[in-house]
């Protein structure tokens, strides 16, 4: 049973709060962090959002974005913030290792009360209070539930609700993924009631592309797109030189992995990107094909049933070949 009274007491008595997200922060991690930031500022003077590496620029319009510290660029200041914290909120990750190098700084504080709010499978029991719901559309949806349970919905503001909506709309693929539920829509209805403008948010998120990003998208779909019809699968792969050619900025490949799923019959899509000498992977699927199992078995990954990540220990083309060798193992499931 969750001890909501203790959580409320901690919020009322804490002096120094830090909110942490996973590495390579996205719309849901940044949105949930800023939403909780705006809520906790009602009760606590010092609240600091920290990300392992810089948050993507396509989210820079969110209120509070410019207050975020990232460990990669501000290691000393982040260490000081964490040492002072008496309350640490860990959002949108199920294990501290998802913070990358920031985990070391987090582990040095042994006295803070830890809150974990997340919707990924198989959470580690590392927090004093854990709100984990794997069927939730997003961590932002859980932030709304968290505030609701604390009877704090009268504290909802447009800025707070815009952050929540951002996480919900990005993590649900604009409400088209199977994690979108009746409750998801009910929460969004409440956010609209507060006064958000969904059209303006969509404009900021999806109609604010650079020319280079659109050219990268066109290049990826034209030159780096492999379809495997016998397995209802597709792969998009990008070398680091491809990203440099189109002046890659963080967030430029956001949503690229979803494009193959718009092709009739495709049930699984994989994006492979090479950046800073590392080969990272994003997996997406339709229906009951669980990409988190495939990514976990072969690529040290994990995530949701229909959305997961992973890392390859070989080069881009070698990773493509490895996947081509793995596909036959899942032929029946992908053709079911």
Protein backbone atom coordinates (compact mmCIF):
# COMPACT_ATOMS: atom_id res chain seq x y z
CA UNK A 1 0.00 0.00 0.00
CA UNK A 2 1.38 3.39 -0.97
CA UNK A 3 2.01 5.82 1.87
CA UNK A 4 0.54 8.99 0.42
CA UNK A 5 0.52 10.69 3.83
CA UNK A 6 4.29 10.33 4.07
CA UNK A 7 4.74 11.71 0.55
CA UNK A 8 2.59 14.70 1.41
CA UNK A 9 4.57 15.25 4.62
CA UNK A 10 7.86 15.11 2.73
CA UNK A 11 6.64 17.65 0.19
CA UNK A 12 5.47 19.98 2.95
CA UNK A 13 8.75 19.76 4.92
CA UNK A 14 11.46 19.43 2.26
CA UNK A 15 13.77 22.38 1.62
CA UNK A 16 15.81 21.25 -1.37
CA UNK A 17 14.28 19.11 -4.11
CA UNK A 18 15.94 17.63 -7.18
CA UNK A 19 14.05 16.08 -10.12
CA UNK A 20 16.00 13.60 -12.26
CA UNK A 21 15.31 12.13 -15.70
CA UNK A 22 16.89 9.46 -17.91
CA UNK A 23 19.72 10.06 -20.38
CA UNK A 24 18.70 11.25 -23.85
CA UNK A 25 15.66 13.02 -22.38
CA UNK A 26 12.51 13.09 -24.50
CA UNK A 27 9.10 14.75 -24.44
CA UNK A 28 7.79 12.60 -21.60
CA UNK A 29 10.84 12.85 -19.34
CA UNK A 30 11.19 16.62 -19.82
CA UNK A 31 7.43 17.19 -19.71
CA UNK A 32 6.95 15.20 -16.51
CA UNK A 33 9.98 16.85 -14.89
CA UNK A 34 8.77 20.36 -15.65
CA UNK A 35 5.18 19.53 -14.68
CA UNK A 36 6.33 18.26 -11.27
CA UNK A 37 8.69 21.26 -11.01
CA UNK A 38 5.79 23.69 -11.41
CA UNK A 39 3.67 21.75 -8.90
CA UNK A 40 6.35 21.47 -6.21
CA UNK A 41 7.23 25.18 -6.53
CA UNK A 42 3.90 25.82 -4.81
CA UNK A 43 5.33 24.33 -1.61
CA UNK A 44 9.12 24.37 -1.85
CA UNK A 45 11.40 27.30 -2.63
CA UNK A 46 14.26 25.35 -4.19
CA UNK A 47 13.34 22.82 -6.89
CA UNK A 48 15.88 21.86 -9.55
CA UNK A 49 15.35 19.73 -12.66
CA UNK A 50 18.47 17.82 -13.74
CA UNK A 51 19.02 15.77 -16.89
CA UNK A 52 22.04 13.53 -17.61
CA UNK A 53 22.66 15.28 -20.94
CA UNK A 54 21.06 18.31 -22.64
CA UNK A 55 17.32 18.30 -23.23
CA UNK A 56 16.36 18.55 -26.93
CA UNK A 57 15.83 22.03 -28.31
CA UNK A 58 12.42 21.25 -29.78
CA UNK A 59 11.13 21.44 -26.20
CA UNK A 60 12.74 24.82 -25.47
CA UNK A 61 9.36 26.60 -25.62
CA UNK A 62 8.19 24.85 -22.43
CA UNK A 63 8.01 27.11 -19.39
CA UNK A 64 10.93 26.27 -17.11
CA UNK A 65 13.10 24.69 -19.82
CA UNK A 66 15.80 27.33 -19.33
CA UNK A 67 16.16 26.39 -15.64
CA UNK A 68 17.18 22.77 -16.39
CA UNK A 69 20.73 21.73 -15.52
CA UNK A 70 22.40 18.88 -17.35
CA UNK A 71 25.14 16.76 -15.78
CA UNK A 72 27.20 16.64 -18.96
CA UNK A 73 27.74 20.42 -18.96
CA UNK A 74 27.35 21.31 -15.26
CA UNK A 75 28.84 18.38 -13.34
CA UNK A 76 30.07 20.37 -10.34
CA UNK A 77 26.80 22.27 -9.88
CA UNK A 78 24.75 19.09 -10.29
CA UNK A 79 26.87 17.32 -7.65
CA UNK A 80 26.24 20.21 -5.26
CA UNK A 81 22.50 20.14 -5.93
CA UNK A 82 22.29 16.41 -5.25
CA UNK A 83 24.36 16.63 -2.07
CA UNK A 84 21.97 19.24 -0.65
CA UNK A 85 18.76 17.45 -1.69
CA UNK A 86 16.44 16.10 0.99
CA UNK A 87 13.89 14.94 -1.61
CA UNK A 88 14.81 13.38 -4.97
CA UNK A 89 12.18 12.61 -7.59
CA UNK A 90 13.19 10.10 -10.28
CA UNK A 91 10.91 10.33 -13.32
CA UNK A 92 10.39 8.19 -16.42
CA UNK A 93 12.96 5.49 -15.66
CA UNK A 94 12.72 2.15 -13.88
CA UNK A 95 16.32 1.76 -12.72
CA UNK A 96 19.04 4.28 -11.78
CA UNK A 97 21.34 2.94 -14.51
CA UNK A 98 19.09 4.68 -17.06
CA UNK A 99 20.65 7.95 -15.85
CA UNK A 100 24.04 6.98 -17.26
CA UNK A 101 26.93 8.81 -15.59
CA UNK A 102 24.49 10.83 -13.46
CA UNK A 103 23.78 7.66 -11.46
CA UNK A 104 27.11 8.03 -9.62
CA UNK A 105 26.17 11.47 -8.31
CA UNK A 106 22.70 10.22 -7.38
CA UNK A 107 24.10 7.31 -5.35
CA UNK A 108 26.27 9.62 -3.22
CA UNK A 109 23.19 11.02 -1.46
CA UNK A 110 22.10 8.33 1.01
CA UNK A 111 19.82 10.46 3.17
CA UNK A 112 17.24 11.89 0.75
CA UNK A 113 13.72 10.55 0.44
CA UNK A 114 13.37 9.03 -3.04
CA UNK A 115 10.19 9.16 -5.14
CA UNK A 116 10.02 7.18 -8.39
CA UNK A 117 7.22 7.80 -10.92
CA UNK A 118 7.45 5.70 -14.07
CA UNK A 119 5.58 3.52 -16.58
CA UNK A 120 8.28 1.12 -17.82
CA UNK A 121 8.28 -2.63 -17.26
CA UNK A 122 10.22 -4.41 -14.50
CA UNK A 123 11.01 -1.48 -12.16
CA UNK A 124 13.82 -1.82 -9.63
CA UNK A 125 12.86 -1.25 -5.98
CA UNK A 126 15.25 1.66 -5.42
CA UNK A 127 12.82 4.30 -4.12
CA UNK A 128 11.10 4.97 -0.79
CA UNK A 129 7.87 5.67 -2.70
CA UNK A 130 7.16 4.23 -6.11
CA UNK A 131 4.26 5.03 -8.43
CA UNK A 132 4.79 2.49 -11.20
CA UNK A 133 2.04 1.72 -13.71
CA UNK A 134 3.18 -0.09 -16.83
CA UNK A 135 -0.17 0.33 -18.60
CA UNK A 136 -0.06 4.12 -18.30
CA UNK A 137 0.42 5.99 -21.56
CA UNK A 138 3.21 8.13 -20.16
CA UNK A 139 4.90 9.32 -17.01
CA UNK A 140 3.11 12.65 -17.55
CA UNK A 141 -0.21 10.85 -17.16
CA UNK A 142 1.09 9.47 -13.87
CA UNK A 143 2.15 12.96 -12.77
CA UNK A 144 -1.49 13.98 -13.12
CA UNK A 145 -2.52 10.93 -11.05
CA UNK A 146 0.14 11.82 -8.46
CA UNK A 147 -1.15 15.37 -8.12
CA UNK A 148 -4.76 14.10 -8.02
CA UNK A 149 -3.99 11.67 -5.18
CA UNK A 150 -2.40 14.52 -3.23
CA UNK A 151 -5.58 16.54 -3.77
CA UNK A 152 -3.54 19.16 -5.57
CA UNK A 153 -5.45 19.64 -8.82
CA UNK A 154 -6.43 23.17 -7.76
CA UNK A 155 -2.73 23.98 -8.21
CA UNK A 156 -2.81 23.10 -11.93
CA UNK A 157 -1.73 25.98 -14.16
CA UNK A 158 -1.53 26.34 -17.92
CA UNK A 159 2.28 26.06 -17.80
CA UNK A 160 2.11 22.87 -15.75
CA UNK A 161 -0.58 21.35 -17.95
CA UNK A 162 1.28 22.21 -21.16
CA UNK A 163 4.23 20.20 -19.86
CA UNK A 164 1.97 17.25 -19.02
CA UNK A 165 0.23 17.36 -22.38
CA UNK A 166 3.61 17.42 -24.15
CA UNK A 167 4.63 14.16 -22.52
CA UNK A 168 1.30 12.50 -23.16
CA UNK A 169 1.07 13.49 -26.82
CA UNK A 170 4.67 12.53 -27.63
CA UNK A 171 4.64 9.20 -25.78
CA UNK A 172 1.32 8.15 -27.31
CA UNK A 173 2.31 9.12 -30.86
CA UNK A 174 -0.45 11.75 -30.87
CA UNK A 175 -2.85 9.30 -29.20
CA UNK A 176 -2.44 6.50 -31.74
CA UNK A 177 -0.47 3.96 -29.66
CA UNK A 178 -2.24 1.15 -27.83
CA UNK A 179 -1.28 2.64 -24.43
CA UNK A 180 -3.81 5.42 -25.07
CA UNK A 181 -6.76 4.68 -22.79
CA UNK A 182 -10.04 6.23 -21.71
CA UNK A 183 -8.18 7.58 -18.69
CA UNK A 184 -5.60 9.18 -20.98
CA UNK A 185 -8.33 11.12 -22.75
CA UNK A 186 -10.01 12.01 -19.45
CA UNK A 187 -6.73 13.46 -18.17
CA UNK A 188 -6.28 15.47 -21.38
CA UNK A 189 -9.85 16.75 -21.03
CA UNK A 190 -8.90 18.06 -17.58
CA UNK A 191 -5.81 19.76 -19.00
CA UNK A 192 -7.92 21.45 -21.67
CA UNK A 193 -10.34 22.55 -18.96
CA UNK A 194 -7.45 24.33 -17.22
CA UNK A 195 -6.79 26.26 -20.43
CA UNK A 196 -4.13 24.64 -22.61
CA UNK A 197 -4.30 25.11 -26.37
CA UNK A 198 -3.60 21.69 -27.99
CA UNK A 199 -3.23 23.25 -31.42
CA UNK A 200 -0.50 25.60 -30.24
CA UNK A 201 1.34 22.76 -28.50
CA UNK A 202 1.18 20.58 -31.63
CA UNK A 203 2.49 23.52 -33.65
CA UNK A 204 5.45 23.91 -31.30
CA UNK A 205 6.20 20.19 -31.24
CA UNK A 206 5.64 19.08 -34.81
CA UNK A 207 5.59 22.12 -37.10
CA UNK A 208 8.82 23.72 -36.00
CA UNK A 209 11.31 21.76 -38.10
CA UNK A 210 14.59 23.03 -39.51
CA UNK A 211 15.28 22.52 -43.22
CA UNK A 212 18.19 20.24 -42.28
CA UNK A 213 15.90 18.01 -40.21
CA UNK A 214 13.46 17.59 -43.11
CA UNK A 215 16.33 16.82 -45.48
CA UNK A 216 17.64 14.22 -43.03
CA UNK A 217 14.17 12.65 -42.90
CA UNK A 218 13.98 12.51 -46.69
CA UNK A 219 17.48 11.08 -46.95
CA UNK A 220 16.76 8.41 -44.32
CA UNK A 221 13.57 7.26 -46.04
CA UNK A 222 15.10 7.32 -49.51
CA UNK A 223 18.62 6.01 -48.89
CA UNK A 224 18.67 4.17 -45.55
CA UNK A 225 15.32 2.36 -45.44
CA UNK A 226 15.23 -1.45 -45.70
CA UNK A 227 11.92 -3.33 -45.84
CA UNK A 228 11.71 -7.07 -45.09
CA UNK A 229 8.29 -8.01 -46.37
CA UNK A 230 8.62 -11.68 -45.40
CA UNK A 231 8.94 -10.59 -41.76
CA UNK A 232 6.68 -7.50 -41.86
CA UNK A 233 9.67 -5.55 -40.56
CA UNK A 234 11.70 -2.51 -41.55
CA UNK A 235 15.02 -0.95 -40.59
CA UNK A 236 16.22 2.63 -40.94
CA UNK A 237 19.94 3.12 -40.29
CA UNK A 238 22.04 6.27 -40.11
CA UNK A 239 25.80 6.60 -39.88
CA UNK A 240 27.40 9.40 -37.90
CA UNK A 241 28.57 10.94 -41.17
CA UNK A 242 24.92 11.08 -42.30
CA UNK A 243 24.00 13.06 -39.20
CA UNK A 244 26.91 15.43 -39.69
CA UNK A 245 25.98 15.93 -43.34
CA UNK A 246 22.60 17.31 -42.29
CA UNK A 247 23.89 19.33 -39.31
CA UNK A 248 22.22 17.03 -36.79
CA UNK A 249 20.82 18.59 -33.63
CA UNK A 250 19.54 16.62 -30.68
CA UNK A 251 15.93 15.64 -31.33
CA UNK A 252 16.24 15.63 -35.14
CA UNK A 253 15.58 11.87 -35.32
CA UNK A 254 12.66 12.04 -32.87
CA UNK A 255 9.74 10.07 -34.32
CA UNK A 256 11.72 8.78 -37.32
CA UNK A 257 11.34 5.18 -36.16
CA UNK A 258 7.55 5.46 -36.43
CA UNK A 259 7.50 6.18 -40.18
CA UNK A 260 7.88 2.54 -41.32
CA UNK A 261 4.84 1.57 -39.25
CA UNK A 262 2.74 3.68 -41.62
CA UNK A 263 3.52 1.18 -44.39
CA UNK A 264 0.73 -1.38 -44.86
CA UNK A 265 1.65 -4.68 -43.25
CA UNK A 266 4.71 -3.52 -41.31
CA UNK A 267 4.52 -4.64 -37.69
CA UNK A 268 8.01 -3.83 -36.44
CA UNK A 269 10.32 -0.89 -37.15
CA UNK A 270 13.89 -0.38 -35.96
CA UNK A 271 16.00 2.78 -36.12
CA UNK A 272 19.78 2.41 -35.86
CA UNK A 273 21.83 5.55 -35.32
CA UNK A 274 25.57 6.02 -34.87
CA UNK A 275 26.54 8.96 -32.66
CA UNK A 276 29.77 9.68 -30.80
CA UNK A 277 31.06 6.23 -31.65
CA UNK A 278 28.02 4.47 -30.16
CA UNK A 279 25.33 2.56 -32.04
CA UNK A 280 21.91 3.14 -30.49
CA UNK A 281 18.64 1.48 -31.44
CA UNK A 282 14.95 2.32 -31.19
CA UNK A 283 12.30 -0.37 -31.62
CA UNK A 284 8.59 0.11 -32.35
CA UNK A 285 5.85 -2.41 -33.07
CA UNK A 286 2.14 -2.82 -33.62
CA UNK A 287 -0.23 -5.16 -31.81
CA UNK A 288 1.04 -7.88 -29.52
CA UNK A 289 4.60 -8.17 -30.83
CA UNK A 290 6.75 -7.23 -27.84
CA UNK A 291 9.90 -5.47 -29.03
CA UNK A 292 11.17 -5.07 -25.47
CA UNK A 293 11.83 -8.83 -25.38
CA UNK A 294 13.84 -8.76 -28.61
CA UNK A 295 15.84 -5.69 -27.55
CA UNK A 296 16.50 -7.16 -24.12
CA UNK A 297 17.65 -10.52 -25.47
CA UNK A 298 20.03 -9.24 -28.13
CA UNK A 299 20.81 -5.55 -27.51
CA UNK A 300 20.96 -4.98 -23.72
CA UNK A 301 17.75 -3.04 -24.06
CA UNK A 302 14.27 -2.82 -22.68
CA UNK A 303 11.23 -0.60 -22.46
CA UNK A 304 7.58 -1.12 -23.32
CA UNK A 305 5.86 -3.89 -25.26
CA UNK A 306 5.58 -1.70 -28.37
CA UNK A 307 8.42 0.76 -27.78
CA UNK A 308 11.92 -0.07 -26.61
CA UNK A 309 15.54 0.92 -26.92
CA UNK A 310 18.85 -0.87 -27.13
CA UNK A 311 22.57 -0.58 -27.78
CA UNK A 312 24.63 -2.54 -30.28
CA UNK A 313 28.25 -3.52 -29.63
CA UNK A 314 29.06 -3.70 -33.34
CA UNK A 315 28.94 -1.19 -36.22
CA UNK A 316 25.85 0.01 -38.07
CA UNK A 317 25.99 -2.40 -41.02
CA UNK A 318 27.00 -5.27 -38.73
CA UNK A 319 23.94 -4.45 -36.60
CA UNK A 320 21.72 -4.58 -39.69
CA UNK A 321 23.19 -8.00 -40.56
CA UNK A 322 22.67 -9.19 -37.00
CA UNK A 323 19.01 -8.17 -37.14
CA UNK A 324 18.56 -9.91 -40.49
CA UNK A 325 19.81 -13.07 -38.79
CA UNK A 326 17.44 -12.59 -35.85
CA UNK A 327 14.25 -11.94 -37.87
CA UNK A 328 13.66 -15.63 -38.79
CA UNK A 329 13.38 -16.44 -35.08
CA UNK A 330 10.33 -14.16 -34.88
CA UNK A 331 8.82 -14.94 -38.30
CA UNK A 332 5.67 -16.61 -36.94
CA UNK A 333 4.98 -13.83 -34.45
CA UNK A 334 5.55 -11.08 -37.01
CA UNK A 335 3.26 -12.81 -39.50
CA UNK A 336 0.58 -13.75 -36.96
